[in-house]
């Protein structure tokens, strides 16, 4: 499933849950280690792209501009995320 198709599915499920009277939204987007995300706000260094290092209830990210690491709750990442990119693998180095 493409990222766009997955996002449509996520939005449809969130709307379905709101219609059933559920008070809180729950995690739906499957963030994966190694993905590059673009956030709405810029980091003080000027960068907006982050590499996901660890993904669980909270997400550890590394700024691709300055290398600074940040921990963010998964729900906050879902709100702040504008785009999710799958980085191309570098075939010259080890996996």
N, C-alpha and C. Protein backbone atom coordinates (compact mmCIF):
# COMPACT_ATOMS: atom_id res chain seq x y z
N UNK A 1 0.84 -1.17 0.00
CA UNK A 1 0.00 0.00 0.00
C UNK A 1 0.89 1.24 0.00
N UNK A 2 0.56 2.19 -0.81
CA UNK A 2 1.35 3.42 -0.89
C UNK A 2 1.08 4.29 0.33
N UNK A 3 1.96 5.25 0.53
CA UNK A 3 1.80 6.16 1.66
C UNK A 3 0.50 6.94 1.56
N UNK A 4 0.14 7.38 0.35
CA UNK A 4 -1.09 8.14 0.16
C UNK A 4 -2.30 7.27 0.46
N UNK A 5 -2.29 6.02 -0.01
CA UNK A 5 -3.39 5.11 0.25
C UNK A 5 -3.53 4.80 1.72
N UNK A 6 -2.40 4.65 2.40
CA UNK A 6 -2.40 4.38 3.83
C UNK A 6 -2.96 5.57 4.61
N UNK A 7 -2.58 6.79 4.19
CA UNK A 7 -3.08 7.99 4.86
C UNK A 7 -4.60 8.11 4.71
N UNK A 8 -5.13 7.79 3.53
CA UNK A 8 -6.59 7.82 3.34
C UNK A 8 -7.28 6.82 4.26
N UNK A 9 -6.67 5.64 4.41
CA UNK A 9 -7.22 4.61 5.28
C UNK A 9 -7.21 5.08 6.73
N UNK A 10 -6.14 5.74 7.15
CA UNK A 10 -6.02 6.25 8.52
C UNK A 10 -7.09 7.30 8.78
N UNK A 11 -7.28 8.22 7.87
CA UNK A 11 -8.27 9.29 8.03
C UNK A 11 -9.67 8.68 8.11
N UNK A 12 -9.95 7.69 7.27
CA UNK A 12 -11.27 7.05 7.28
C UNK A 12 -11.53 6.37 8.62
N UNK A 13 -10.52 5.68 9.17
CA UNK A 13 -10.69 5.01 10.46
C UNK A 13 -10.89 6.01 11.59
N UNK A 14 -10.17 7.13 11.56
CA UNK A 14 -10.32 8.14 12.60
C UNK A 14 -11.73 8.73 12.56
N UNK A 15 -12.26 8.99 11.36
CA UNK A 15 -13.60 9.53 11.25
C UNK A 15 -14.63 8.52 11.72
N UNK A 16 -14.41 7.24 11.42
CA UNK A 16 -15.31 6.19 11.86
C UNK A 16 -15.36 6.11 13.38
N UNK A 17 -14.21 6.23 14.04
CA UNK A 17 -14.15 6.16 15.50
C UNK A 17 -14.84 7.36 16.15
N UNK A 18 -14.69 8.53 15.55
CA UNK A 18 -15.35 9.72 16.10
C UNK A 18 -16.86 9.58 16.00
N UNK A 19 -17.34 8.96 14.91
CA UNK A 19 -18.77 8.77 14.72
C UNK A 19 -19.36 7.78 15.70
N UNK A 20 -18.56 6.87 16.25
CA UNK A 20 -19.05 5.87 17.19
C UNK A 20 -19.04 6.37 18.62
N UNK A 21 -18.68 7.62 18.86
CA UNK A 21 -18.71 8.18 20.19
C UNK A 21 -17.46 7.91 21.00
N UNK A 22 -16.39 7.41 20.36
CA UNK A 22 -15.15 7.20 21.10
C UNK A 22 -14.55 8.55 21.41
N UNK A 23 -14.12 8.74 22.64
CA UNK A 23 -13.68 10.06 23.06
C UNK A 23 -12.26 10.38 22.61
N UNK A 24 -11.40 9.36 22.46
CA UNK A 24 -10.01 9.62 22.11
C UNK A 24 -9.64 8.93 20.80
N UNK A 25 -8.79 9.60 20.04
CA UNK A 25 -8.24 8.96 18.86
C UNK A 25 -7.12 8.05 19.30
N UNK A 26 -6.82 7.05 18.52
CA UNK A 26 -5.77 6.13 18.88
C UNK A 26 -4.79 5.98 17.73
N UNK A 27 -3.63 5.41 18.00
CA UNK A 27 -2.58 5.27 17.02
C UNK A 27 -3.05 4.45 15.83
N UNK A 28 -2.80 4.96 14.63
CA UNK A 28 -3.12 4.22 13.43
C UNK A 28 -1.98 4.20 12.42
N UNK A 29 -1.16 5.23 12.37
CA UNK A 29 -0.14 5.28 11.33
C UNK A 29 1.08 4.46 11.76
N UNK A 30 1.50 3.50 10.94
CA UNK A 30 2.63 2.63 11.32
C UNK A 30 3.98 3.26 11.01
N UNK A 31 4.47 4.13 11.87
CA UNK A 31 5.80 4.68 11.69
C UNK A 31 6.82 3.56 11.85
N UNK A 32 7.87 3.58 11.03
CA UNK A 32 8.90 2.55 11.07
C UNK A 32 10.27 3.17 11.27
N UNK A 33 11.14 2.42 11.91
CA UNK A 33 12.53 2.85 12.10
C UNK A 33 13.16 3.04 10.73
N UNK A 34 13.90 4.14 10.57
CA UNK A 34 14.58 4.41 9.31
C UNK A 34 13.82 5.34 8.37
N UNK A 35 12.56 5.64 8.68
CA UNK A 35 11.80 6.57 7.84
C UNK A 35 12.25 8.00 8.13
N UNK A 36 12.10 8.86 7.13
CA UNK A 36 12.41 10.27 7.27
C UNK A 36 11.09 11.02 7.27
N UNK A 37 10.86 11.80 8.32
CA UNK A 37 9.62 12.56 8.43
C UNK A 37 9.91 14.06 8.35
N UNK A 38 8.96 14.80 7.80
CA UNK A 38 9.03 16.25 7.75
C UNK A 38 7.99 16.80 8.71
N UNK A 39 8.41 17.67 9.62
CA UNK A 39 7.52 18.24 10.62
C UNK A 39 7.05 19.64 10.21
N UNK A 40 5.96 20.10 10.82
CA UNK A 40 5.42 21.43 10.52
C UNK A 40 6.36 22.54 10.95
N UNK A 41 6.85 22.46 12.17
CA UNK A 41 7.72 23.51 12.71
C UNK A 41 9.17 23.21 12.41
N UNK A 42 9.96 24.26 12.29
CA UNK A 42 11.39 24.08 12.04
C UNK A 42 12.14 23.96 13.36
N UNK A 43 13.23 23.22 13.33
CA UNK A 43 14.13 23.09 14.46
C UNK A 43 14.94 24.39 14.55
N UNK A 44 15.49 24.76 15.70
CA UNK A 44 16.28 25.99 15.78
C UNK A 44 17.45 26.05 14.79
N UNK A 45 17.94 24.90 14.34
CA UNK A 45 19.02 24.89 13.35
C UNK A 45 18.50 25.19 11.95
N UNK A 46 17.18 25.20 11.77
CA UNK A 46 16.60 25.49 10.46
C UNK A 46 16.10 24.26 9.72
N UNK A 47 16.34 23.06 10.24
CA UNK A 47 15.93 21.83 9.57
C UNK A 47 14.51 21.42 9.94
N UNK A 48 13.85 20.73 9.02
CA UNK A 48 12.51 20.21 9.26
C UNK A 48 12.43 18.71 9.08
N UNK A 49 13.51 18.09 8.59
CA UNK A 49 13.50 16.66 8.33
C UNK A 49 14.19 15.90 9.45
N UNK A 50 13.59 14.78 9.85
CA UNK A 50 14.07 13.98 10.97
C UNK A 50 14.10 12.52 10.58
N UNK A 51 15.10 11.80 11.06
CA UNK A 51 15.22 10.37 10.85
C UNK A 51 14.69 9.66 12.09
N UNK A 52 13.79 8.70 11.92
CA UNK A 52 13.25 7.96 13.05
C UNK A 52 14.24 6.88 13.45
N UNK A 53 14.71 6.96 14.70
CA UNK A 53 15.71 6.02 15.21
C UNK A 53 15.05 4.89 15.98
N UNK A 54 14.10 5.21 16.85
CA UNK A 54 13.40 4.21 17.65
C UNK A 54 11.92 4.57 17.66
N UNK A 55 11.08 3.57 17.43
CA UNK A 55 9.64 3.81 17.35
C UNK A 55 8.93 2.88 18.33
N UNK A 56 8.21 3.47 19.27
CA UNK A 56 7.35 2.72 20.20
C UNK A 56 6.28 3.70 20.68
N UNK A 57 5.95 3.71 21.95
CA UNK A 57 4.98 4.67 22.48
C UNK A 57 5.46 6.09 22.34
N UNK A 58 6.77 6.26 22.43
CA UNK A 58 7.40 7.54 22.10
C UNK A 58 8.43 7.27 21.00
N UNK A 59 8.77 8.30 20.28
CA UNK A 59 9.62 8.16 19.09
C UNK A 59 10.91 8.94 19.30
N UNK A 60 12.04 8.30 19.06
CA UNK A 60 13.33 8.97 19.10
C UNK A 60 13.70 9.35 17.68
N UNK A 61 14.00 10.63 17.47
CA UNK A 61 14.31 11.14 16.13
C UNK A 61 15.64 11.87 16.14
N UNK A 62 16.28 11.92 14.97
CA UNK A 62 17.53 12.65 14.82
C UNK A 62 17.36 13.67 13.70
N UNK A 63 17.71 14.92 14.00
CA UNK A 63 17.61 15.98 13.00
C UNK A 63 18.65 15.72 11.90
N UNK A 64 18.22 15.76 10.67
CA UNK A 64 19.14 15.49 9.56
C UNK A 64 20.00 16.70 9.22
N UNK A 65 19.72 17.85 9.82
CA UNK A 65 20.54 19.04 9.57
C UNK A 65 21.69 19.15 10.56
N UNK A 66 21.37 19.01 11.86
CA UNK A 66 22.41 19.22 12.87
C UNK A 66 22.78 17.96 13.66
N UNK A 67 21.98 16.89 13.55
CA UNK A 67 22.29 15.65 14.24
C UNK A 67 21.77 15.57 15.67
N UNK A 68 21.03 16.56 16.12
CA UNK A 68 20.48 16.57 17.47
C UNK A 68 19.38 15.53 17.59
N UNK A 69 19.30 14.84 18.74
CA UNK A 69 18.27 13.82 18.95
C UNK A 69 17.17 14.38 19.83
N UNK A 70 15.94 13.93 19.56
CA UNK A 70 14.78 14.41 20.30
C UNK A 70 13.81 13.24 20.51
N UNK A 71 13.16 13.21 21.66
CA UNK A 71 12.15 12.20 21.94
C UNK A 71 10.79 12.90 21.96
N UNK A 72 9.84 12.31 21.24
CA UNK A 72 8.51 12.90 21.10
C UNK A 72 7.47 11.80 21.28
N UNK A 73 6.35 12.11 21.91
CA UNK A 73 5.28 11.13 22.01
C UNK A 73 4.73 10.84 20.63
N UNK A 74 4.32 9.61 20.43
CA UNK A 74 3.84 9.19 19.12
C UNK A 74 2.63 10.00 18.67
N UNK A 75 1.72 10.30 19.59
CA UNK A 75 0.53 11.08 19.25
C UNK A 75 0.92 12.50 18.80
N UNK A 76 1.94 13.08 19.44
CA UNK A 76 2.40 14.40 19.05
C UNK A 76 3.07 14.36 17.67
N UNK A 77 3.77 13.27 17.38
CA UNK A 77 4.39 13.13 16.06
C UNK A 77 3.33 13.05 14.97
N UNK A 78 2.24 12.33 15.24
CA UNK A 78 1.16 12.23 14.25
C UNK A 78 0.59 13.60 13.93
N UNK A 79 0.46 14.46 14.94
CA UNK A 79 -0.08 15.81 14.73
C UNK A 79 0.91 16.71 14.01
N UNK A 80 2.21 16.56 14.31
CA UNK A 80 3.22 17.46 13.77
C UNK A 80 3.75 17.03 12.41
N UNK A 81 3.48 15.80 12.01
CA UNK A 81 4.06 15.26 10.79
C UNK A 81 3.33 15.77 9.55
N UNK A 82 4.10 16.23 8.57
CA UNK A 82 3.55 16.70 7.31
C UNK A 82 3.73 15.65 6.22
N UNK A 83 4.89 14.99 6.23
CA UNK A 83 5.20 14.03 5.17
C UNK A 83 6.10 12.92 5.72
N UNK A 84 5.91 11.71 5.21
CA UNK A 84 6.75 10.57 5.58
C UNK A 84 7.42 10.06 4.31
N UNK A 85 8.74 10.03 4.34
CA UNK A 85 9.51 9.54 3.19
C UNK A 85 10.21 8.25 3.57
N UNK A 86 10.30 7.36 2.61
CA UNK A 86 11.07 6.15 2.79
C UNK A 86 12.42 6.38 2.14
N UNK A 87 13.49 6.44 2.93
CA UNK A 87 14.81 6.73 2.35
C UNK A 87 15.28 5.62 1.43
N UNK A 88 16.01 6.00 0.39
CA UNK A 88 16.58 4.99 -0.51
C UNK A 88 17.78 4.37 0.17
N UNK A 89 17.92 3.07 0.02
CA UNK A 89 19.03 2.37 0.65
C UNK A 89 20.33 2.63 -0.10
N UNK A 90 21.40 2.81 0.66
CA UNK A 90 22.73 2.97 0.09
C UNK A 90 23.28 1.56 -0.11
N UNK A 91 23.48 1.16 -1.37
CA UNK A 91 23.91 -0.20 -1.67
C UNK A 91 25.42 -0.39 -1.52
N UNK A 92 26.17 0.69 -1.30
CA UNK A 92 27.62 0.56 -1.20
C UNK A 92 28.08 0.04 0.15
N UNK A 93 27.31 0.30 1.20
CA UNK A 93 27.71 -0.10 2.55
C UNK A 93 26.98 -1.33 3.04
N UNK A 94 27.31 -1.79 4.24
CA UNK A 94 26.61 -2.95 4.80
C UNK A 94 25.17 -2.59 5.17
N UNK A 95 24.32 -3.60 5.30
CA UNK A 95 22.92 -3.37 5.62
C UNK A 95 22.72 -2.92 7.01
